[in-house]
Amino acid sequence: MKSLLMVTIMAVATFAFVGCKKEETLGDKVDKAVKSAEKATDSAAKDAEKATSDAQKKLEGALKK
């Protein structure tokens, strides 16, 4: 009887910590995709700005020579 009680307590404790996994809805997936696209856009903008700055510096250096 004690072992059955211990197994039950362990099962309840495990379920309390692990819980049920919430299924993703289509809206959640779309939100994640939008956030990912925003991050990618920000990163691309920073890279483009850096490349433009580097090209401008090279052009100024070439014109000085």
PDB file of N, CA and C in Angstrom:
ATOM      1  N   MET A   1       0.824  -1.191   0.000  1.00  0.00           N
ATOM      2  CA  MET A   1       0.000   0.000   0.000  1.00  0.00           C
ATOM      3  C   MET A   1       0.866   1.252   0.000  1.00  0.00           C
ATOM      4  N   LYS A   2       1.967   1.202   0.782  1.00  0.00           N
ATOM      5  CA  LYS A   2       2.869   2.357   0.826  1.00  0.00           C
ATOM      6  C   LYS A   2       3.513   2.597  -0.534  1.00  0.00           C
ATOM      7  N   SER A   3       3.879   1.521  -1.210  1.00  0.00           N
ATOM      8  CA  SER A   3       4.521   1.694  -2.518  1.00  0.00           C
ATOM      9  C   SER A   3       3.543   2.289  -3.526  1.00  0.00           C
ATOM     10  N   LEU A   4       2.285   1.911  -3.468  1.00  0.00           N
ATOM     11  CA  LEU A   4       1.280   2.474  -4.369  1.00  0.00           C
ATOM     12  C   LEU A   4       1.095   3.963  -4.096  1.00  0.00           C
ATOM     13  N   LEU A   5       1.094   4.328  -2.840  1.00  0.00           N
ATOM     14  CA  LEU A   5       0.973   5.730  -2.450  1.00  0.00           C
ATOM     15  C   LEU A   5       2.193   6.527  -2.914  1.00  0.00           C
ATOM     16  N   MET A   6       3.368   5.959  -2.770  1.00  0.00           N
ATOM     17  CA  MET A   6       4.599   6.636  -3.209  1.00  0.00           C
ATOM     18  C   MET A   6       4.601   6.821  -4.732  1.00  0.00           C
ATOM     19  N   VAL A   7       4.190   5.812  -5.470  1.00  0.00           N
ATOM     20  CA  VAL A   7       4.137   5.910  -6.931  1.00  0.00           C
ATOM     21  C   VAL A   7       3.138   6.991  -7.341  1.00  0.00           C
ATOM     22  N   THR A   8       2.006   7.044  -6.683  1.00  0.00           N
ATOM     23  CA  THR A   8       0.995   8.054  -6.991  1.00  0.00           C
ATOM     24  C   THR A   8       1.527   9.457  -6.710  1.00  0.00           C
ATOM     25  N   ILE A   9       2.186   9.623  -5.563  1.00  0.00           N
ATOM     26  CA  ILE A   9       2.751  10.934  -5.212  1.00  0.00           C
ATOM     27  C   ILE A   9       3.816  11.338  -6.223  1.00  0.00           C
ATOM     28  N   MET A  10       4.659  10.403  -6.622  1.00  0.00           N
ATOM     29  CA  MET A  10       5.704  10.700  -7.609  1.00  0.00           C
ATOM     30  C   MET A  10       5.092  11.085  -8.954  1.00  0.00           C
ATOM     31  N   ALA A  11       4.032  10.396  -9.348  1.00  0.00           N
ATOM     32  CA  ALA A  11       3.369  10.696 -10.618  1.00  0.00           C
ATOM     33  C   ALA A  11       2.746  12.085 -10.580  1.00  0.00           C
ATOM     34  N   VAL A  12       2.109  12.428  -9.471  1.00  0.00           N
ATOM     35  CA  VAL A  12       1.489  13.747  -9.339  1.00  0.00           C
ATOM     36  C   VAL A  12       2.563  14.837  -9.344  1.00  0.00           C
ATOM     37  N   ALA A  13       3.671  14.605  -8.642  1.00  0.00           N
ATOM     38  CA  ALA A  13       4.750  15.590  -8.604  1.00  0.00           C
ATOM     39  C   ALA A  13       5.371  15.773  -9.984  1.00  0.00           C
ATOM     40  N   THR A  14       5.564  14.685 -10.697  1.00  0.00           N
ATOM     41  CA  THR A  14       6.124  14.767 -12.045  1.00  0.00           C
ATOM     42  C   THR A  14       5.186  15.536 -12.970  1.00  0.00           C
ATOM     43  N   PHE A  15       3.924  15.243 -12.910  1.00  0.00           N
ATOM     44  CA  PHE A  15       2.950  15.938 -13.745  1.00  0.00           C
ATOM     45  C   PHE A  15       2.886  17.420 -13.396  1.00  0.00           C
ATOM     46  N   ALA A  16       3.040  17.753 -12.103  1.00  0.00           N
ATOM     47  CA  ALA A  16       2.990  19.154 -11.682  1.00  0.00           C
ATOM     48  C   ALA A  16       4.171  19.937 -12.262  1.00  0.00           C
ATOM     49  N   PHE A  17       5.333  19.313 -12.312  1.00  0.00           N
ATOM     50  CA  PHE A  17       6.505  20.018 -12.835  1.00  0.00           C
ATOM     51  C   PHE A  17       6.566  20.001 -14.356  1.00  0.00           C
ATOM     52  N   VAL A  18       6.204  18.892 -14.958  1.00  0.00           N
ATOM     53  CA  VAL A  18       6.277  18.771 -16.413  1.00  0.00           C
ATOM     54  C   VAL A  18       5.042  19.371 -17.061  1.00  0.00           C
ATOM     55  N   GLY A  19       3.888  19.024 -16.572  1.00  0.00           N
ATOM     56  CA  GLY A  19       2.637  19.562 -17.090  1.00  0.00           C
ATOM     57  C   GLY A  19       2.314  19.057 -18.475  1.00  0.00           C
ATOM     58  N   CYS A  20       1.259  19.599 -19.028  1.00  0.00           N
ATOM     59  CA  CYS A  20       0.851  19.254 -20.383  1.00  0.00           C
ATOM     60  C   CYS A  20       1.498  20.234 -21.345  1.00  0.00           C
ATOM     61  N   LYS A  21       1.916  19.741 -22.472  1.00  0.00           N
ATOM     62  CA  LYS A  21       2.504  20.614 -23.474  1.00  0.00           C
ATOM     63  C   LYS A  21       1.385  21.301 -24.247  1.00  0.00           C
ATOM     64  N   LYS A  22       1.457  22.616 -24.285  1.00  0.00           N
ATOM     65  CA  LYS A  22       0.448  23.389 -25.007  1.00  0.00           C
ATOM     66  C   LYS A  22       0.724  23.275 -26.502  1.00  0.00           C
ATOM     67  N   GLU A  23      -0.293  22.970 -27.257  1.00  0.00           N
ATOM     68  CA  GLU A  23      -0.136  22.874 -28.698  1.00  0.00           C
ATOM     69  C   GLU A  23      -0.093  24.275 -29.303  1.00  0.00           C
ATOM     70  N   GLU A  24       0.785  24.435 -30.294  1.00  0.00           N
ATOM     71  CA  GLU A  24       0.881  25.723 -30.984  1.00  0.00           C
ATOM     72  C   GLU A  24      -0.280  25.881 -31.956  1.00  0.00           C
ATOM     73  N   THR A  25      -0.840  27.054 -31.944  1.00  0.00           N
ATOM     74  CA  THR A  25      -1.905  27.345 -32.897  1.00  0.00           C
ATOM     75  C   THR A  25      -1.288  28.012 -34.120  1.00  0.00           C
ATOM     76  N   LEU A  26      -2.077  28.171 -35.140  1.00  0.00           N
ATOM     77  CA  LEU A  26      -1.606  28.829 -36.355  1.00  0.00           C
ATOM     78  C   LEU A  26      -1.202  30.267 -36.060  1.00  0.00           C
ATOM     79  N   GLY A  27      -1.954  30.928 -35.181  1.00  0.00           N
ATOM     80  CA  GLY A  27      -1.629  32.306 -34.813  1.00  0.00           C
ATOM     81  C   GLY A  27      -0.277  32.402 -34.136  1.00  0.00           C
ATOM     82  N   ASP A  28       0.049  31.433 -33.259  1.00  0.00           N
ATOM     83  CA  ASP A  28       1.354  31.423 -32.593  1.00  0.00           C
ATOM     84  C   ASP A  28       2.478  31.259 -33.613  1.00  0.00           C
ATOM     85  N   LYS A  29       2.258  30.375 -34.576  1.00  0.00           N
ATOM     86  CA  LYS A  29       3.273  30.145 -35.606  1.00  0.00           C
ATOM     87  C   LYS A  29       3.476  31.397 -36.456  1.00  0.00           C
ATOM     88  N   VAL A  30       2.397  32.085 -36.786  1.00  0.00           N
ATOM     89  CA  VAL A  30       2.489  33.311 -37.586  1.00  0.00           C
ATOM     90  C   VAL A  30       3.229  34.391 -36.795  1.00  0.00           C
ATOM     91  N   ASP A  31       2.914  34.520 -35.500  1.00  0.00           N
ATOM     92  CA  ASP A  31       3.597  35.504 -34.666  1.00  0.00           C
ATOM     93  C   ASP A  31       5.097  35.237 -34.609  1.00  0.00           C
ATOM     94  N   LYS A  32       5.473  33.972 -34.449  1.00  0.00           N
ATOM     95  CA  LYS A  32       6.894  33.620 -34.416  1.00  0.00           C
ATOM     96  C   LYS A  32       7.560  33.948 -35.754  1.00  0.00           C
ATOM     97  N   ALA A  33       6.879  33.677 -36.846  1.00  0.00           N
ATOM     98  CA  ALA A  33       7.435  33.952 -38.171  1.00  0.00           C
ATOM     99  C   ALA A  33       7.612  35.456 -38.372  1.00  0.00           C
ATOM    100  N   VAL A  34       6.657  36.250 -37.903  1.00  0.00           N
ATOM    101  CA  VAL A  34       6.748  37.708 -38.040  1.00  0.00           C
ATOM    102  C   VAL A  34       7.918  38.239 -37.228  1.00  0.00           C
ATOM    103  N   LYS A  35       8.067  37.754 -35.996  1.00  0.00           N
ATOM    104  CA  LYS A  35       9.178  38.202 -35.157  1.00  0.00           C
ATOM    105  C   LYS A  35      10.512  37.822 -35.770  1.00  0.00           C
ATOM    106  N   SER A  36      10.586  36.620 -36.313  1.00  0.00           N
ATOM    107  CA  SER A  36      11.814  36.169 -36.961  1.00  0.00           C
ATOM    108  C   SER A  36      12.131  37.030 -38.181  1.00  0.00           C
ATOM    109  N   ALA A  37      11.112  37.367 -38.951  1.00  0.00           N
ATOM    110  CA  ALA A  37      11.313  38.211 -40.129  1.00  0.00           C
ATOM    111  C   ALA A  37      11.758  39.610 -39.729  1.00  0.00           C
ATOM    112  N   GLU A  38      11.206  40.137 -38.636  1.00  0.00           N
ATOM    113  CA  GLU A  38      11.626  41.459 -38.166  1.00  0.00           C
ATOM    114  C   GLU A  38      13.096  41.457 -37.748  1.00  0.00           C
ATOM    115  N   LYS A  39      13.506  40.400 -37.051  1.00  0.00           N
ATOM    116  CA  LYS A  39      14.908  40.297 -36.638  1.00  0.00           C
ATOM    117  C   LYS A  39      15.818  40.199 -37.852  1.00  0.00           C
ATOM    118  N   ALA A  40      15.412  39.419 -38.839  1.00  0.00           N
ATOM    119  CA  ALA A  40      16.216  39.264 -40.052  1.00  0.00           C
ATOM    120  C   ALA A  40      16.304  40.592 -40.806  1.00  0.00           C
ATOM    121  N   THR A  41      15.220  41.337 -40.847  1.00  0.00           N
ATOM    122  CA  THR A  41      15.205  42.628 -41.525  1.00  0.00           C
ATOM    123  C   THR A  41      16.134  43.619 -40.830  1.00  0.00           C
ATOM    124  N   ASP A  42      16.068  43.647 -39.498  1.00  0.00           N
ATOM    125  CA  ASP A  42      16.953  44.530 -38.740  1.00  0.00           C
ATOM    126  C   ASP A  42      18.417  44.177 -38.976  1.00  0.00           C
ATOM    127  N   SER A  43      18.708  42.892 -38.975  1.00  0.00           N
ATOM    128  CA  SER A  43      20.082  42.440 -39.206  1.00  0.00           C
ATOM    129  C   SER A  43      20.551  42.813 -40.608  1.00  0.00           C
ATOM    130  N   ALA A  44      19.701  42.620 -41.591  1.00  0.00           N
ATOM    131  CA  ALA A  44      20.062  42.959 -42.971  1.00  0.00           C
ATOM    132  C   ALA A  44      20.266  44.462 -43.124  1.00  0.00           C
ATOM    133  N   ALA A  45      19.462  45.253 -42.455  1.00  0.00           N
ATOM    134  CA  ALA A  45      19.614  46.710 -42.533  1.00  0.00           C
ATOM    135  C   ALA A  45      20.938  47.146 -41.922  1.00  0.00           C
ATOM    136  N   LYS A  46      21.305  46.549 -40.807  1.00  0.00           N
ATOM    137  CA  LYS A  46      22.583  46.880 -40.170  1.00  0.00           C
ATOM    138  C   LYS A  46      23.747  46.485 -41.070  1.00  0.00           C
ATOM    139  N   ASP A  47      23.660  45.295 -41.676  1.00  0.00           N
ATOM    140  CA  ASP A  47      24.715  44.844 -42.583  1.00  0.00           C
ATOM    141  C   ASP A  47      24.826  45.761 -43.797  1.00  0.00           C
ATOM    142  N   ALA A  48      23.709  46.195 -44.346  1.00  0.00           N
ATOM    143  CA  ALA A  48      23.715  47.076 -45.509  1.00  0.00           C
ATOM    144  C   ALA A  48      24.304  48.438 -45.140  1.00  0.00           C
ATOM    145  N   GLU A  49      23.951  48.925 -43.965  1.00  0.00           N
ATOM    146  CA  GLU A  49      24.484  50.215 -43.516  1.00  0.00           C
ATOM    147  C   GLU A  49      26.003  50.142 -43.337  1.00  0.00           C
ATOM    148  N   LYS A  50      26.477  49.032 -42.780  1.00  0.00           N
ATOM    149  CA  LYS A  50      27.916  48.849 -42.586  1.00  0.00           C
ATOM    150  C   LYS A  50      28.630  48.745 -43.934  1.00  0.00           C
ATOM    151  N   ALA A  51      28.044  48.008 -44.861  1.00  0.00           N
ATOM    152  CA  ALA A  51      28.651  47.864 -46.180  1.00  0.00           C
ATOM    153  C   ALA A  51      28.699  49.205 -46.905  1.00  0.00           C
ATOM    154  N   THR A  52      27.657  50.006 -46.773  1.00  0.00           N
ATOM    155  CA  THR A  52      27.627  51.330 -47.394  1.00  0.00           C
ATOM    156  C   THR A  52      28.696  52.225 -46.790  1.00  0.00           C
ATOM    157  N   SER A  53      28.836  52.167 -45.489  1.00  0.00           N
ATOM    158  CA  SER A  53      29.843  52.967 -44.804  1.00  0.00           C
ATOM    159  C   SER A  53      31.248  52.560 -45.234  1.00  0.00           C
ATOM    160  N   ASP A  54      31.489  51.258 -45.325  1.00  0.00           N
ATOM    161  CA  ASP A  54      32.799  50.768 -45.762  1.00  0.00           C
ATOM    162  C   ASP A  54      33.095  51.183 -47.200  1.00  0.00           C
ATOM    163  N   ALA A  55      32.101  51.079 -48.069  1.00  0.00           N
ATOM    164  CA  ALA A  55      32.288  51.455 -49.468  1.00  0.00           C
ATOM    165  C   ALA A  55      32.569  52.952 -49.589  1.00  0.00           C
ATOM    166  N   GLN A  56      31.876  53.757 -48.782  1.00  0.00           N
ATOM    167  CA  GLN A  56      32.097  55.199 -48.820  1.00  0.00           C
ATOM    168  C   GLN A  56      33.513  55.542 -48.355  1.00  0.00           C
ATOM    169  N   LYS A  57      33.993  54.858 -47.342  1.00  0.00           N
ATOM    170  CA  LYS A  57      35.354  55.100 -46.851  1.00  0.00           C
ATOM    171  C   LYS A  57      36.378  54.721 -47.913  1.00  0.00           C
ATOM    172  N   LYS A  58      36.151  53.603 -48.592  1.00  0.00           N
ATOM    173  CA  LYS A  58      37.070  53.171 -49.648  1.00  0.00           C
ATOM    174  C   LYS A  58      37.066  54.169 -50.811  1.00  0.00           C
ATOM    175  N   LEU A  59      35.889  54.666 -51.155  1.00  0.00           N
ATOM    176  CA  LEU A  59      35.775  55.636 -52.238  1.00  0.00           C
ATOM    177  C   LEU A  59      36.499  56.933 -51.879  1.00  0.00           C
ATOM    178  N   GLU A  60      36.328  57.392 -50.657  1.00  0.00           N
ATOM    179  CA  GLU A  60      37.007  58.613 -50.210  1.00  0.00           C
ATOM    180  C   GLU A  60      38.517  58.416 -50.206  1.00  0.00           C
ATOM    181  N   GLY A  61      38.950  57.230 -49.794  1.00  0.00           N
ATOM    182  CA  GLY A  61      40.375  56.922 -49.804  1.00  0.00           C
ATOM    183  C   GLY A  61      40.935  56.896 -51.218  1.00  0.00           C
ATOM    184  N   ALA A  62      40.172  56.355 -52.152  1.00  0.00           N
ATOM    185  CA  ALA A  62      40.614  56.276 -53.547  1.00  0.00           C
ATOM    186  C   ALA A  62      40.637  57.657 -54.178  1.00  0.00           C
ATOM    187  N   LEU A  63      39.717  58.531 -53.823  1.00  0.00           N
ATOM    188  CA  LEU A  63      39.678  59.870 -54.401  1.00  0.00           C
ATOM    189  C   LEU A  63      40.805  60.746 -53.870  1.00  0.00           C
ATOM    190  N   LYS A  64      41.281  60.476 -52.665  1.00  0.00           N
ATOM    191  CA  LYS A  64      42.370  61.253 -52.086  1.00  0.00           C
ATOM    192  C   LYS A  64      43.695  60.936 -52.762  1.00  0.00           C
ATOM    193  N   LYS A  65      43.821  59.739 -53.307  1.00  0.00           N
ATOM    194  CA  LYS A  65      45.080  59.319 -53.944  1.00  0.00           C
ATOM    195  C   LYS A  65      45.187  59.927 -55.264  1.00  0.00           C
TER     196      LYS A  65
END
